[in-house]
Amino acid sequence: METYILNIQSPFDSLEFVSITNQKTVQFANNTLLENEGDYLEGSVELSYNGESIFSKIWTPQTCS
């Protein structure tokens, strides 16, 4: 299972998610929390087996309401 957060520097029409194991992710998370006044982090999770995605879910403010 892998967890990702949204790269807030990615273009709106092509969402890019960064793995939480990526060293730059801490900076992305801090920037996102500052921009959103600490309310939320947009992100996704993916469960895969043998390289095949079994489940994935993206969380945004719209899906969390």
PDB file of N, CA and C in Angstrom:
ATOM      1  N   MET A   1       0.852  -1.159   0.000  1.00  0.00           N
ATOM      2  CA  MET A   1       0.000   0.000   0.000  1.00  0.00           C
ATOM      3  C   MET A   1       0.901   1.225   0.000  1.00  0.00           C
ATOM      4  N   GLU A   2       0.556   2.192  -0.803  1.00  0.00           N
ATOM      5  CA  GLU A   2       1.338   3.420  -0.913  1.00  0.00           C
ATOM      6  C   GLU A   2       0.416   4.609  -0.675  1.00  0.00           C
ATOM      7  N   THR A   3       0.930   5.619   0.013  1.00  0.00           N
ATOM      8  CA  THR A   3       0.177   6.832   0.300  1.00  0.00           C
ATOM      9  C   THR A   3       0.858   8.002  -0.391  1.00  0.00           C
ATOM     10  N   TYR A   4       0.063   8.888  -0.967  1.00  0.00           N
ATOM     11  CA  TYR A   4       0.568  10.030  -1.712  1.00  0.00           C
ATOM     12  C   TYR A   4      -0.128  11.301  -1.242  1.00  0.00           C
ATOM     13  N   ILE A   5       0.547  12.449  -1.417  1.00  0.00           N
ATOM     14  CA  ILE A   5      -0.121  13.731  -1.241  1.00  0.00           C
ATOM     15  C   ILE A   5      -0.001  14.494  -2.554  1.00  0.00           C
ATOM     16  N   LEU A   6      -0.922  15.422  -2.760  1.00  0.00           N
ATOM     17  CA  LEU A   6      -0.935  16.196  -3.993  1.00  0.00           C
ATOM     18  C   LEU A   6       0.229  17.172  -4.018  1.00  0.00           C
ATOM     19  N   ASN A   7       0.935  17.207  -5.131  1.00  0.00           N
ATOM     20  CA  ASN A   7       1.981  18.202  -5.350  1.00  0.00           C
ATOM     21  C   ASN A   7       1.267  19.497  -5.732  1.00  0.00           C
ATOM     22  N   ILE A   8       1.231  20.468  -4.813  1.00  0.00           N
ATOM     23  CA  ILE A   8       0.477  21.699  -5.079  1.00  0.00           C
ATOM     24  C   ILE A   8       1.118  22.544  -6.168  1.00  0.00           C
ATOM     25  N   GLN A   9       2.321  22.193  -6.599  1.00  0.00           N
ATOM     26  CA  GLN A   9       2.981  22.916  -7.679  1.00  0.00           C
ATOM     27  C   GLN A   9       2.640  22.336  -9.048  1.00  0.00           C
ATOM     28  N   SER A  10       1.890  21.236  -9.092  1.00  0.00           N
ATOM     29  CA  SER A  10       1.549  20.628 -10.380  1.00  0.00           C
ATOM     30  C   SER A  10       0.413  21.421 -11.032  1.00  0.00           C
ATOM     31  N   PRO A  11       0.361  21.422 -12.362  1.00  0.00           N
ATOM     32  CA  PRO A  11      -0.724  22.121 -13.059  1.00  0.00           C
ATOM     33  C   PRO A  11      -2.079  21.532 -12.687  1.00  0.00           C
ATOM     34  N   PHE A  12      -3.096  22.393 -12.632  1.00  0.00           N
ATOM     35  CA  PHE A  12      -4.424  21.964 -12.211  1.00  0.00           C
ATOM     36  C   PHE A  12      -4.991  20.870 -13.119  1.00  0.00           C
ATOM     37  N   ASP A  13      -4.688  20.933 -14.419  1.00  0.00           N
ATOM     38  CA  ASP A  13      -5.259  19.964 -15.354  1.00  0.00           C
ATOM     39  C   ASP A  13      -4.521  18.626 -15.375  1.00  0.00           C
ATOM     40  N   SER A  14      -3.402  18.519 -14.663  1.00  0.00           N
ATOM     41  CA  SER A  14      -2.691  17.237 -14.574  1.00  0.00           C
ATOM     42  C   SER A  14      -2.179  17.053 -13.151  1.00  0.00           C
ATOM     43  N   LEU A  15      -3.034  16.524 -12.293  1.00  0.00           N
ATOM     44  CA  LEU A  15      -2.688  16.356 -10.892  1.00  0.00           C
ATOM     45  C   LEU A  15      -1.514  15.401 -10.734  1.00  0.00           C
ATOM     46  N   GLU A  16      -0.544  15.803  -9.924  1.00  0.00           N
ATOM     47  CA  GLU A  16       0.618  14.963  -9.649  1.00  0.00           C
ATOM     48  C   GLU A  16       0.645  14.669  -8.155  1.00  0.00           C
ATOM     49  N   PHE A  17       0.728  13.407  -7.819  1.00  0.00           N
ATOM     50  CA  PHE A  17       0.807  13.004  -6.430  1.00  0.00           C
ATOM     51  C   PHE A  17       2.219  12.525  -6.126  1.00  0.00           C
ATOM     52  N   VAL A  18       2.705  12.843  -4.924  1.00  0.00           N
ATOM     53  CA  VAL A  18       4.062  12.513  -4.511  1.00  0.00           C
ATOM     54  C   VAL A  18       3.986  11.510  -3.367  1.00  0.00           C
ATOM     55  N   SER A  19       4.755  10.453  -3.456  1.00  0.00           N
ATOM     56  CA  SER A  19       4.780   9.436  -2.415  1.00  0.00           C
ATOM     57  C   SER A  19       5.260  10.027  -1.096  1.00  0.00           C
ATOM     58  N   ILE A  20       4.672   9.607   0.004  1.00  0.00           N
ATOM     59  CA  ILE A  20       5.113  10.119   1.300  1.00  0.00           C
ATOM     60  C   ILE A  20       6.505   9.620   1.669  1.00  0.00           C
ATOM     61  N   THR A  21       7.036   8.675   0.900  1.00  0.00           N
ATOM     62  CA  THR A  21       8.409   8.232   1.128  1.00  0.00           C
ATOM     63  C   THR A  21       9.421   9.131   0.407  1.00  0.00           C
ATOM     64  N   ASN A  22       8.948  10.054  -0.418  1.00  0.00           N
ATOM     65  CA  ASN A  22       9.805  10.991  -1.142  1.00  0.00           C
ATOM     66  C   ASN A  22      10.290  12.071  -0.169  1.00  0.00           C
ATOM     67  N   GLN A  23      11.567  12.399  -0.203  1.00  0.00           N
ATOM     68  CA  GLN A  23      12.139  13.380   0.722  1.00  0.00           C
ATOM     69  C   GLN A  23      11.535  14.768   0.551  1.00  0.00           C
ATOM     70  N   LYS A  24      11.105  15.118  -0.651  1.00  0.00           N
ATOM     71  CA  LYS A  24      10.519  16.436  -0.895  1.00  0.00           C
ATOM     72  C   LYS A  24       9.092  16.537  -0.370  1.00  0.00           C
ATOM     73  N   THR A  25       8.505  15.419  -0.005  1.00  0.00           N
ATOM     74  CA  THR A  25       7.119  15.397   0.426  1.00  0.00           C
ATOM     75  C   THR A  25       6.883  16.234   1.672  1.00  0.00           C
ATOM     76  N   VAL A  26       7.832  16.264   2.577  1.00  0.00           N
ATOM     77  CA  VAL A  26       7.682  17.064   3.793  1.00  0.00           C
ATOM     78  C   VAL A  26       7.461  18.528   3.423  1.00  0.00           C
ATOM     79  N   GLN A  27       8.223  19.033   2.475  1.00  0.00           N
ATOM     80  CA  GLN A  27       8.055  20.424   2.040  1.00  0.00           C
ATOM     81  C   GLN A  27       6.706  20.620   1.363  1.00  0.00           C
ATOM     82  N   PHE A  28       6.298  19.675   0.511  1.00  0.00           N
ATOM     83  CA  PHE A  28       4.980  19.767  -0.129  1.00  0.00           C
ATOM     84  C   PHE A  28       3.877  19.801   0.925  1.00  0.00           C
ATOM     85  N   ALA A  29       3.989  18.941   1.930  1.00  0.00           N
ATOM     86  CA  ALA A  29       2.974  18.880   2.988  1.00  0.00           C
ATOM     87  C   ALA A  29       2.930  20.187   3.762  1.00  0.00           C
ATOM     88  N   ASN A  30       4.084  20.715   4.129  1.00  0.00           N
ATOM     89  CA  ASN A  30       4.113  21.984   4.852  1.00  0.00           C
ATOM     90  C   ASN A  30       3.517  23.120   4.038  1.00  0.00           C
ATOM     91  N   ASN A  31       3.861  23.198   2.761  1.00  0.00           N
ATOM     92  CA  ASN A  31       3.299  24.245   1.891  1.00  0.00           C
ATOM     93  C   ASN A  31       1.792  24.112   1.767  1.00  0.00           C
ATOM     94  N   THR A  32       1.322  22.880   1.615  1.00  0.00           N
ATOM     95  CA  THR A  32      -0.116  22.642   1.465  1.00  0.00           C
ATOM     96  C   THR A  32      -0.860  23.023   2.736  1.00  0.00           C
ATOM     97  N   LEU A  33      -0.343  22.625   3.885  1.00  0.00           N
ATOM     98  CA  LEU A  33      -0.999  22.970   5.146  1.00  0.00           C
ATOM     99  C   LEU A  33      -1.004  24.475   5.378  1.00  0.00           C
ATOM    100  N   LEU A  34       0.071  25.161   5.020  1.00  0.00           N
ATOM    101  CA  LEU A  34       0.098  26.621   5.145  1.00  0.00           C
ATOM    102  C   LEU A  34      -0.943  27.264   4.236  1.00  0.00           C
ATOM    103  N   GLU A  35      -1.019  26.781   2.997  1.00  0.00           N
ATOM    104  CA  GLU A  35      -1.966  27.341   2.031  1.00  0.00           C
ATOM    105  C   GLU A  35      -3.414  27.106   2.456  1.00  0.00           C
ATOM    106  N   ASN A  36      -3.683  25.972   3.087  1.00  0.00           N
ATOM    107  CA  ASN A  36      -5.042  25.609   3.471  1.00  0.00           C
ATOM    108  C   ASN A  36      -5.323  25.857   4.952  1.00  0.00           C
ATOM    109  N   GLU A  37      -4.482  26.662   5.574  1.00  0.00           N
ATOM    110  CA  GLU A  37      -4.625  27.022   6.990  1.00  0.00           C
ATOM    111  C   GLU A  37      -4.728  25.794   7.888  1.00  0.00           C
ATOM    112  N   GLY A  38      -3.979  24.748   7.559  1.00  0.00           N
ATOM    113  CA  GLY A  38      -3.898  23.549   8.385  1.00  0.00           C
ATOM    114  C   GLY A  38      -5.104  22.640   8.334  1.00  0.00           C
ATOM    115  N   ASP A  39      -6.024  22.887   7.400  1.00  0.00           N
ATOM    116  CA  ASP A  39      -7.267  22.117   7.362  1.00  0.00           C
ATOM    117  C   ASP A  39      -7.127  20.707   6.805  1.00  0.00           C
ATOM    118  N   TYR A  40      -6.430  20.520   5.714  1.00  0.00           N
ATOM    119  CA  TYR A  40      -6.410  19.216   5.054  1.00  0.00           C
ATOM    120  C   TYR A  40      -5.226  19.089   4.113  1.00  0.00           C
ATOM    121  N   LEU A  41      -4.932  17.857   3.774  1.00  0.00           N
ATOM    122  CA  LEU A  41      -3.986  17.539   2.709  1.00  0.00           C
ATOM    123  C   LEU A  41      -4.742  16.735   1.672  1.00  0.00           C
ATOM    124  N   GLU A  42      -4.673  17.158   0.436  1.00  0.00           N
ATOM    125  CA  GLU A  42      -5.254  16.357  -0.634  1.00  0.00           C
ATOM    126  C   GLU A  42      -4.278  15.230  -0.935  1.00  0.00           C
ATOM    127  N   GLY A  43      -4.804  14.051  -1.166  1.00  0.00           N
ATOM    128  CA  GLY A  43      -3.917  12.933  -1.421  1.00  0.00           C
ATOM    129  C   GLY A  43      -4.635  11.729  -1.974  1.00  0.00           C
ATOM    130  N   SER A  44      -3.919  10.633  -1.985  1.00  0.00           N
ATOM    131  CA  SER A  44      -4.487   9.393  -2.501  1.00  0.00           C
ATOM    132  C   SER A  44      -3.775   8.208  -1.853  1.00  0.00           C
ATOM    133  N   VAL A  45      -4.421   7.081  -1.934  1.00  0.00           N
ATOM    134  CA  VAL A  45      -3.822   5.818  -1.518  1.00  0.00           C
ATOM    135  C   VAL A  45      -3.999   4.823  -2.660  1.00  0.00           C
ATOM    136  N   GLU A  46      -3.069   3.898  -2.744  1.00  0.00           N
ATOM    137  CA  GLU A  46      -3.155   2.867  -3.773  1.00  0.00           C
ATOM    138  C   GLU A  46      -2.670   1.551  -3.188  1.00  0.00           C
ATOM    139  N   LEU A  47      -3.435   0.523  -3.431  1.00  0.00           N
ATOM    140  CA  LEU A  47      -3.051  -0.832  -3.035  1.00  0.00           C
ATOM    141  C   LEU A  47      -2.754  -1.594  -4.312  1.00  0.00           C
ATOM    142  N   SER A  48      -1.562  -2.158  -4.378  1.00  0.00           N
ATOM    143  CA  SER A  48      -1.206  -2.920  -5.576  1.00  0.00           C
ATOM    144  C   SER A  48      -0.568  -4.241  -5.169  1.00  0.00           C
ATOM    145  N   TYR A  49      -0.640  -5.186  -6.092  1.00  0.00           N
ATOM    146  CA  TYR A  49      -0.054  -6.508  -5.886  1.00  0.00           C
ATOM    147  C   TYR A  49       0.580  -6.941  -7.190  1.00  0.00           C
ATOM    148  N   ASN A  50       1.843  -7.324  -7.142  1.00  0.00           N
ATOM    149  CA  ASN A  50       2.587  -7.725  -8.345  1.00  0.00           C
ATOM    150  C   ASN A  50       2.519  -6.664  -9.438  1.00  0.00           C
ATOM    151  N   GLY A  51       2.599  -5.404  -9.046  1.00  0.00           N
ATOM    152  CA  GLY A  51       2.589  -4.319 -10.012  1.00  0.00           C
ATOM    153  C   GLY A  51       1.222  -3.965 -10.568  1.00  0.00           C
ATOM    154  N   GLU A  52       0.164  -4.616 -10.109  1.00  0.00           N
ATOM    155  CA  GLU A  52      -1.188  -4.349 -10.597  1.00  0.00           C
ATOM    156  C   GLU A  52      -1.984  -3.629  -9.515  1.00  0.00           C
ATOM    157  N   SER A  53      -2.574  -2.500  -9.885  1.00  0.00           N
ATOM    158  CA  SER A  53      -3.370  -1.726  -8.944  1.00  0.00           C
ATOM    159  C   SER A  53      -4.671  -2.462  -8.632  1.00  0.00           C
ATOM    160  N   ILE A  54      -4.922  -2.685  -7.351  1.00  0.00           N
ATOM    161  CA  ILE A  54      -6.137  -3.363  -6.904  1.00  0.00           C
ATOM    162  C   ILE A  54      -7.170  -2.340  -6.455  1.00  0.00           C
ATOM    163  N   PHE A  55      -6.703  -1.268  -5.804  1.00  0.00           N
ATOM    164  CA  PHE A  55      -7.596  -0.240  -5.281  1.00  0.00           C
ATOM    165  C   PHE A  55      -6.851   1.081  -5.252  1.00  0.00           C
ATOM    166  N   SER A  56      -7.538   2.159  -5.603  1.00  0.00           N
ATOM    167  CA  SER A  56      -6.973   3.492  -5.431  1.00  0.00           C
ATOM    168  C   SER A  56      -8.100   4.465  -5.118  1.00  0.00           C
ATOM    169  N   LYS A  57      -7.785   5.459  -4.326  1.00  0.00           N
ATOM    170  CA  LYS A  57      -8.772   6.458  -3.922  1.00  0.00           C
ATOM    171  C   LYS A  57      -8.076   7.803  -3.789  1.00  0.00           C
ATOM    172  N   ILE A  58      -8.684   8.851  -4.342  1.00  0.00           N
ATOM    173  CA  ILE A  58      -8.159  10.212  -4.243  1.00  0.00           C
ATOM    174  C   ILE A  58      -9.047  10.999  -3.309  1.00  0.00           C
ATOM    175  N   TRP A  59      -8.418  11.710  -2.357  1.00  0.00           N
ATOM    176  CA  TRP A  59      -9.171  12.559  -1.422  1.00  0.00           C
ATOM    177  C   TRP A  59      -8.881  14.013  -1.750  1.00  0.00           C
ATOM    178  N   THR A  60      -9.941  14.761  -1.986  1.00  0.00           N
ATOM    179  CA  THR A  60      -9.875  16.200  -2.186  1.00  0.00           C
ATOM    180  C   THR A  60     -10.922  16.828  -1.279  1.00  0.00           C
ATOM    181  N   PRO A  61     -10.932  18.140  -1.135  1.00  0.00           N
ATOM    182  CA  PRO A  61     -11.964  18.757  -0.294  1.00  0.00           C
ATOM    183  C   PRO A  61     -13.375  18.377  -0.726  1.00  0.00           C
ATOM    184  N   GLN A  62     -13.593  18.171  -2.011  1.00  0.00           N
ATOM    185  CA  GLN A  62     -14.919  17.801  -2.501  1.00  0.00           C
ATOM    186  C   GLN A  62     -15.305  16.382  -2.080  1.00  0.00           C
ATOM    187  N   THR A  63     -14.348  15.455  -2.025  1.00  0.00           N
ATOM    188  CA  THR A  63     -14.677  14.077  -1.672  1.00  0.00           C
ATOM    189  C   THR A  63     -14.728  13.873  -0.168  1.00  0.00           C
ATOM    190  N   CYS A  64     -14.233  14.842   0.604  1.00  0.00           N
ATOM    191  CA  CYS A  64     -14.211  14.702   2.061  1.00  0.00           C
ATOM    192  C   CYS A  64     -15.406  15.355   2.736  1.00  0.00           C
ATOM    193  N   SER A  65     -16.261  15.998   1.989  1.00  0.00           N
ATOM    194  CA  SER A  65     -17.387  16.715   2.618  1.00  0.00           C
ATOM    195  C   SER A  65     -18.558  15.805   2.882  1.00  0.00           C
TER     196      SER A  65
END
